[in-house]
């Protein structure tokens, strides 16, 4: 093996290690590149000296169907603008999503959660949507039915979605955690996911986002924001201000459960103002009636 080839190989390995440290789990190459890699290495007449590490290129990476059923992933880390990438093949996208769901349903990475859950709550909605909602974790109703946001808070979320002119089936709804946090010794109630549980489970959400490619993500509540952005600042300070997650605009807002506890018109209006911002970001029409929701007469 020539010195130049060895240096290029070392630089490539270093680049892949850098991608791994930034959360990328699946890397692929085009069919043309795969064919090139299968050819014998041609000798070079004069080694090319490489004195500096190869810069990380601004590219998107995709896992082809011939290797795994995952789809394209953005190399952008949280806070970076995602590079443009080619549209996903609808059949491969659906197959990749189905495969991801199967992996999540079989997951036992958190034995205490796997042993106490009734169902893995993967997510629900359109995988071709522009709008994705992310909550913190399933509750008792969600664990029972295997679908996120089906309890009282979920019913309120559905009403909020409908107020924008969309239906629940038009968006995608998921959680940071796919299993209900166990509550040993408690007959009722929920608990906040631990940071370790969120770190273990969030790769599934990463893959969901990478496949769906929403134009906007709405983070519901402080725990969802913490899981996505790592911020523990109160949701009161964060809500209403645009953030960026894996290259996608993200709107933090109150969890619907908060509005069930505090039904003041002013709090409902805050959430609605956040949704108006989301609608405008997506280029959705906003009627005068919608602009006036939850305003005092």
Protein backbone atom coordinates (compact mmCIF):
# COMPACT_ATOMS: atom_id res chain seq x y z
CA UNK A 1 0.00 0.00 0.00
CA UNK A 2 1.47 3.38 -1.02
CA UNK A 3 2.14 6.17 1.48
CA UNK A 4 -0.42 8.39 -0.27
CA UNK A 5 -3.08 5.69 -0.06
CA UNK A 6 -2.34 5.12 3.62
CA UNK A 7 -2.57 8.84 4.37
CA UNK A 8 -5.87 9.10 2.54
CA UNK A 9 -7.17 6.09 4.43
CA UNK A 10 -6.13 7.60 7.76
CA UNK A 11 -7.80 10.89 6.84
CA UNK A 12 -10.99 9.06 5.87
CA UNK A 13 -11.04 7.12 9.14
CA UNK A 14 -10.52 10.35 11.06
CA UNK A 15 -13.42 11.97 9.18
CA UNK A 16 -15.71 9.03 9.95
CA UNK A 17 -14.74 9.15 13.61
CA UNK A 18 -15.63 12.84 13.59
CA UNK A 19 -19.04 12.03 12.09
CA UNK A 20 -19.62 9.38 14.74
CA UNK A 21 -18.78 11.83 17.53
CA UNK A 22 -21.38 14.20 16.10
CA UNK A 23 -24.15 11.63 16.34
CA UNK A 24 -24.18 10.20 12.80
CA UNK A 25 -24.87 6.47 12.95
CA UNK A 26 -25.32 5.43 9.31
CA UNK A 27 -22.96 6.35 6.48
CA UNK A 28 -23.30 5.31 2.88
CA UNK A 29 -21.90 6.01 -0.52
CA UNK A 30 -23.36 6.16 -3.99
CA UNK A 31 -23.49 3.04 -6.18
CA UNK A 32 -20.79 4.58 -8.38
CA UNK A 33 -18.47 4.97 -5.43
CA UNK A 34 -19.18 1.44 -4.26
CA UNK A 35 -18.20 0.13 -7.68
CA UNK A 36 -15.01 2.19 -7.57
CA UNK A 37 -14.13 0.84 -4.13
CA UNK A 38 -14.51 -2.71 -5.39
CA UNK A 39 -11.76 -2.18 -7.97
CA UNK A 40 -8.10 -3.00 -7.19
CA UNK A 41 -6.04 -0.08 -5.94
CA UNK A 42 -3.96 1.39 -8.74
CA UNK A 43 -0.30 2.10 -7.94
CA UNK A 44 0.69 5.74 -7.88
CA UNK A 45 3.96 6.98 -9.32
CA UNK A 46 4.56 9.77 -6.84
CA UNK A 47 3.14 9.88 -3.35
CA UNK A 48 1.05 12.90 -2.57
CA UNK A 49 2.04 14.50 0.71
CA UNK A 50 -0.87 15.28 3.00
CA UNK A 51 0.23 17.55 5.80
CA UNK A 52 -3.19 18.65 7.06
CA UNK A 53 -6.33 16.68 7.93
CA UNK A 54 -8.93 16.61 5.20
CA UNK A 55 -11.67 19.17 5.89
CA UNK A 56 -15.17 17.89 6.56
CA UNK A 57 -17.08 18.37 3.32
CA UNK A 58 -20.53 19.98 3.27
CA UNK A 59 -22.41 16.97 2.00
CA UNK A 60 -25.35 14.75 2.82
CA UNK A 61 -24.87 11.07 3.37
CA UNK A 62 -27.26 8.29 2.45
CA UNK A 63 -27.47 4.62 3.26
CA UNK A 64 -28.41 2.82 0.02
CA UNK A 65 -31.08 0.13 -0.05
CA UNK A 66 -28.43 -2.45 -0.91
CA UNK A 67 -26.84 -2.10 2.52
CA UNK A 68 -29.54 -1.03 4.96
CA UNK A 69 -32.99 0.43 4.67
CA UNK A 70 -32.09 3.69 6.36
CA UNK A 71 -32.46 6.90 4.39
CA UNK A 72 -30.35 10.01 3.94
CA UNK A 73 -29.00 11.68 7.03
CA UNK A 74 -27.90 15.28 7.36
CA UNK A 75 -24.37 15.88 8.56
CA UNK A 76 -25.47 19.11 10.26
CA UNK A 77 -25.20 19.09 14.03
CA UNK A 78 -27.76 20.93 16.19
CA UNK A 79 -27.60 24.63 15.38
CA UNK A 80 -26.19 24.16 11.87
CA UNK A 81 -28.15 24.69 8.69
CA UNK A 82 -28.82 21.37 7.01
CA UNK A 83 -27.39 21.02 3.51
CA UNK A 84 -29.73 20.45 0.62
CA UNK A 85 -30.15 16.80 -0.29
CA UNK A 86 -31.99 14.83 -2.92
CA UNK A 87 -35.58 13.72 -2.25
CA UNK A 88 -35.96 10.28 -0.75
CA UNK A 89 -37.48 7.50 -2.79
CA UNK A 90 -41.00 7.03 -1.32
CA UNK A 91 -40.79 3.22 -1.28
CA UNK A 92 -37.35 3.16 0.32
CA UNK A 93 -38.46 5.79 2.82
CA UNK A 94 -41.52 3.75 3.82
CA UNK A 95 -39.43 0.59 4.08
CA UNK A 96 -36.79 2.36 6.18
CA UNK A 97 -39.45 3.72 8.50
CA UNK A 98 -41.03 0.29 8.89
CA UNK A 99 -37.63 -1.23 9.68
CA UNK A 100 -36.94 1.50 12.22
CA UNK A 101 -40.29 0.86 13.87
CA UNK A 102 -39.54 -2.85 14.16
CA UNK A 103 -36.20 -2.13 15.81
CA UNK A 104 -37.85 0.22 18.29
CA UNK A 105 -40.62 -2.26 19.11
CA UNK A 106 -38.00 -4.88 19.95
CA UNK A 107 -35.76 -2.53 21.94
CA UNK A 108 -34.65 -3.62 25.42
CA UNK A 109 -31.81 -1.14 25.92
CA UNK A 110 -33.47 0.06 29.13
CA UNK A 111 -34.38 -3.24 30.87
CA UNK A 112 -36.37 -1.52 33.62
CA UNK A 113 -38.56 0.23 31.02
CA UNK A 114 -38.86 -2.81 28.76
CA UNK A 115 -40.06 -4.95 31.68
CA UNK A 116 -42.67 -2.46 32.87
CA UNK A 117 -44.11 -1.22 29.57
CA UNK A 118 -47.24 -2.53 27.91
CA UNK A 119 -46.42 -1.09 24.50
CA UNK A 120 -43.59 0.72 22.77
CA UNK A 121 -45.02 4.07 21.68
CA UNK A 122 -43.18 4.65 18.43
CA UNK A 123 -45.05 7.57 16.89
CA UNK A 124 -48.02 8.31 14.69
CA UNK A 125 -48.92 10.39 11.66
CA UNK A 126 -47.71 11.17 8.17
CA UNK A 127 -44.06 10.45 7.39
CA UNK A 128 -44.32 12.94 4.52
CA UNK A 129 -45.38 15.84 6.72
CA UNK A 130 -43.76 19.25 7.04
CA UNK A 131 -44.70 19.53 10.72
CA UNK A 132 -43.56 17.30 13.57
CA UNK A 133 -44.49 17.49 17.27
CA UNK A 134 -42.19 16.02 19.93
CA UNK A 135 -43.22 15.39 23.53
CA UNK A 136 -41.33 13.89 26.43
CA UNK A 137 -42.61 10.34 27.05
CA UNK A 138 -45.75 8.19 26.97
CA UNK A 139 -48.17 8.28 29.88
CA UNK A 140 -50.51 5.55 31.09
CA UNK A 141 -53.03 6.02 28.27
CA UNK A 142 -50.30 6.05 25.63
CA UNK A 143 -48.65 2.96 27.11
CA UNK A 144 -52.02 1.20 27.04
CA UNK A 145 -52.84 2.09 23.44
CA UNK A 146 -49.35 2.23 21.93
CA UNK A 147 -49.92 5.69 20.44
CA UNK A 148 -48.58 9.06 21.61
CA UNK A 149 -50.83 11.82 22.94
CA UNK A 150 -54.13 9.96 23.24
CA UNK A 151 -55.03 11.01 26.80
CA UNK A 152 -56.52 14.34 27.82
CA UNK A 153 -53.35 16.24 26.86
CA UNK A 154 -53.36 14.45 23.52
CA UNK A 155 -56.97 15.38 22.89
CA UNK A 156 -56.07 19.01 23.49
CA UNK A 157 -53.07 18.72 21.16
CA UNK A 158 -55.41 17.37 18.48
CA UNK A 159 -57.65 20.44 18.91
CA UNK A 160 -54.63 22.73 18.59
CA UNK A 161 -53.59 20.98 15.39
CA UNK A 162 -57.11 21.25 14.00
CA UNK A 163 -57.21 24.96 14.83
CA UNK A 164 -54.34 25.47 12.37
CA UNK A 165 -56.45 23.90 9.62
CA UNK A 166 -54.61 20.56 9.71
CA UNK A 167 -55.73 17.17 10.95
CA UNK A 168 -53.84 14.91 13.33
CA UNK A 169 -53.08 12.55 10.44
CA UNK A 170 -51.42 15.43 8.54
CA UNK A 171 -48.58 15.81 11.06
CA UNK A 172 -46.23 13.42 12.85
CA UNK A 173 -46.24 13.05 16.63
CA UNK A 174 -43.47 11.37 18.61
CA UNK A 175 -41.72 11.49 21.98
CA UNK A 176 -38.16 11.64 23.26
CA UNK A 177 -38.80 8.30 25.01
CA UNK A 178 -40.62 5.43 23.30
CA UNK A 179 -41.47 3.70 26.59
CA UNK A 180 -43.40 4.99 29.57
CA UNK A 181 -41.02 5.82 32.43
CA UNK A 182 -41.59 3.19 35.09
CA UNK A 183 -43.13 4.28 38.38
CA UNK A 184 -42.31 1.53 40.90
CA UNK A 185 -44.45 1.72 43.99
CA UNK A 186 -46.93 4.11 42.38
CA UNK A 187 -50.41 3.13 41.27
CA UNK A 188 -50.84 6.29 39.20
CA UNK A 189 -48.94 9.29 37.91
CA UNK A 190 -45.92 9.79 35.70
CA UNK A 191 -42.30 10.74 36.18
CA UNK A 192 -39.82 12.73 34.11
CA UNK A 193 -37.41 10.66 32.00
CA UNK A 194 -33.84 10.63 33.25
CA UNK A 195 -31.06 12.11 31.15
CA UNK A 196 -29.63 8.61 30.68
CA UNK A 197 -32.96 7.27 29.41
CA UNK A 198 -33.27 10.18 26.98
CA UNK A 199 -29.73 9.70 25.70
CA UNK A 200 -30.33 5.99 25.15
CA UNK A 201 -33.64 6.41 23.33
CA UNK A 202 -33.16 9.57 21.30
CA UNK A 203 -31.31 7.91 18.37
CA UNK A 204 -34.69 6.49 17.33
CA UNK A 205 -36.08 10.02 17.21
CA UNK A 206 -33.03 11.18 15.26
CA UNK A 207 -33.75 8.58 12.61
CA UNK A 208 -37.43 9.52 12.53
CA UNK A 209 -36.52 13.16 11.95
CA UNK A 210 -33.91 12.27 9.33
CA UNK A 211 -36.46 10.20 7.42
CA UNK A 212 -39.42 12.55 7.74
CA UNK A 213 -37.40 15.72 7.11
CA UNK A 214 -39.99 18.08 8.60
CA UNK A 215 -39.79 21.77 7.79
CA UNK A 216 -40.63 22.62 11.43
CA UNK A 217 -40.45 20.76 14.75
CA UNK A 218 -42.59 21.81 17.73
CA UNK A 219 -41.13 20.80 21.10
CA UNK A 220 -43.90 20.32 23.67
CA UNK A 221 -42.71 21.23 27.15
CA UNK A 222 -39.47 21.68 29.04
CA UNK A 223 -38.45 18.00 29.02
CA UNK A 224 -38.82 17.74 25.24
CA UNK A 225 -36.67 20.87 24.85
CA UNK A 226 -34.08 19.43 27.24
CA UNK A 227 -33.98 16.16 25.33
CA UNK A 228 -33.64 17.88 21.96
CA UNK A 229 -31.45 20.87 22.76
CA UNK A 230 -29.85 19.91 26.06
CA UNK A 231 -31.18 23.13 27.58
CA UNK A 232 -32.56 23.09 31.10
CA UNK A 233 -33.71 26.71 31.01
CA UNK A 234 -37.35 27.08 31.98
CA UNK A 235 -39.84 26.66 29.15
CA UNK A 236 -41.32 30.04 30.10
CA UNK A 237 -38.13 31.71 28.90
CA UNK A 238 -37.66 29.50 25.84
CA UNK A 239 -41.17 29.28 24.40
CA UNK A 240 -41.98 31.43 21.43
CA UNK A 241 -38.38 31.80 20.27
CA UNK A 242 -37.12 29.90 17.24
CA UNK A 243 -34.27 27.44 17.80
CA UNK A 244 -32.55 25.01 15.43
CA UNK A 245 -32.32 21.25 15.84
CA UNK A 246 -30.28 19.15 13.43
CA UNK A 247 -30.72 21.89 10.84
CA UNK A 248 -34.50 22.13 11.31
CA UNK A 249 -36.33 25.17 12.77
CA UNK A 250 -37.69 24.27 16.20
CA UNK A 251 -40.40 26.06 18.17
CA UNK A 252 -40.50 25.39 21.93
CA UNK A 253 -43.95 25.78 23.48
CA UNK A 254 -45.90 24.66 26.50
CA UNK A 255 -46.99 21.05 26.84
CA UNK A 256 -50.76 20.61 26.45
CA UNK A 257 -50.84 19.15 29.96
CA UNK A 258 -49.78 22.57 31.25
CA UNK A 259 -52.82 24.16 29.62
CA UNK A 260 -55.03 21.58 31.32
CA UNK A 261 -53.63 22.68 34.66
CA UNK A 262 -53.62 26.40 33.85
CA UNK A 263 -56.56 27.28 31.65
CA UNK A 264 -56.05 31.03 31.74
CA UNK A 265 -56.85 32.65 28.41
CA UNK A 266 -53.44 34.35 28.47
CA UNK A 267 -51.62 31.00 28.59
CA UNK A 268 -53.72 29.55 25.79
CA UNK A 269 -52.93 32.64 23.75
CA UNK A 270 -49.18 32.13 24.24
CA UNK A 271 -49.35 28.62 22.81
CA UNK A 272 -51.52 29.86 19.97
CA UNK A 273 -49.05 32.64 19.17
CA UNK A 274 -46.36 29.96 18.93
CA UNK A 275 -48.56 28.02 16.51
CA UNK A 276 -49.19 31.15 14.45
CA UNK A 277 -45.42 31.51 14.11
CA UNK A 278 -45.24 27.87 13.01
CA UNK A 279 -47.97 28.40 10.43
CA UNK A 280 -46.19 31.46 9.05
CA UNK A 281 -42.88 29.60 8.92
CA UNK A 282 -44.58 26.85 6.88
CA UNK A 283 -46.28 29.37 4.59
CA UNK A 284 -49.75 28.27 5.70
CA UNK A 285 -52.63 30.71 5.27
CA UNK A 286 -53.71 32.44 8.48
CA UNK A 287 -57.20 33.88 8.63
CA UNK A 288 -58.24 36.89 10.68
CA UNK A 289 -60.36 34.56 12.79
CA UNK A 290 -57.32 32.42 13.55
CA UNK A 291 -55.23 35.48 14.46
CA UNK A 292 -57.84 36.48 17.02
CA UNK A 293 -58.13 33.15 18.81
CA UNK A 294 -57.89 33.49 22.62
CA UNK A 295 -57.80 37.27 22.56
CA UNK A 296 -60.01 39.10 25.02
CA UNK A 297 -63.21 40.40 23.47
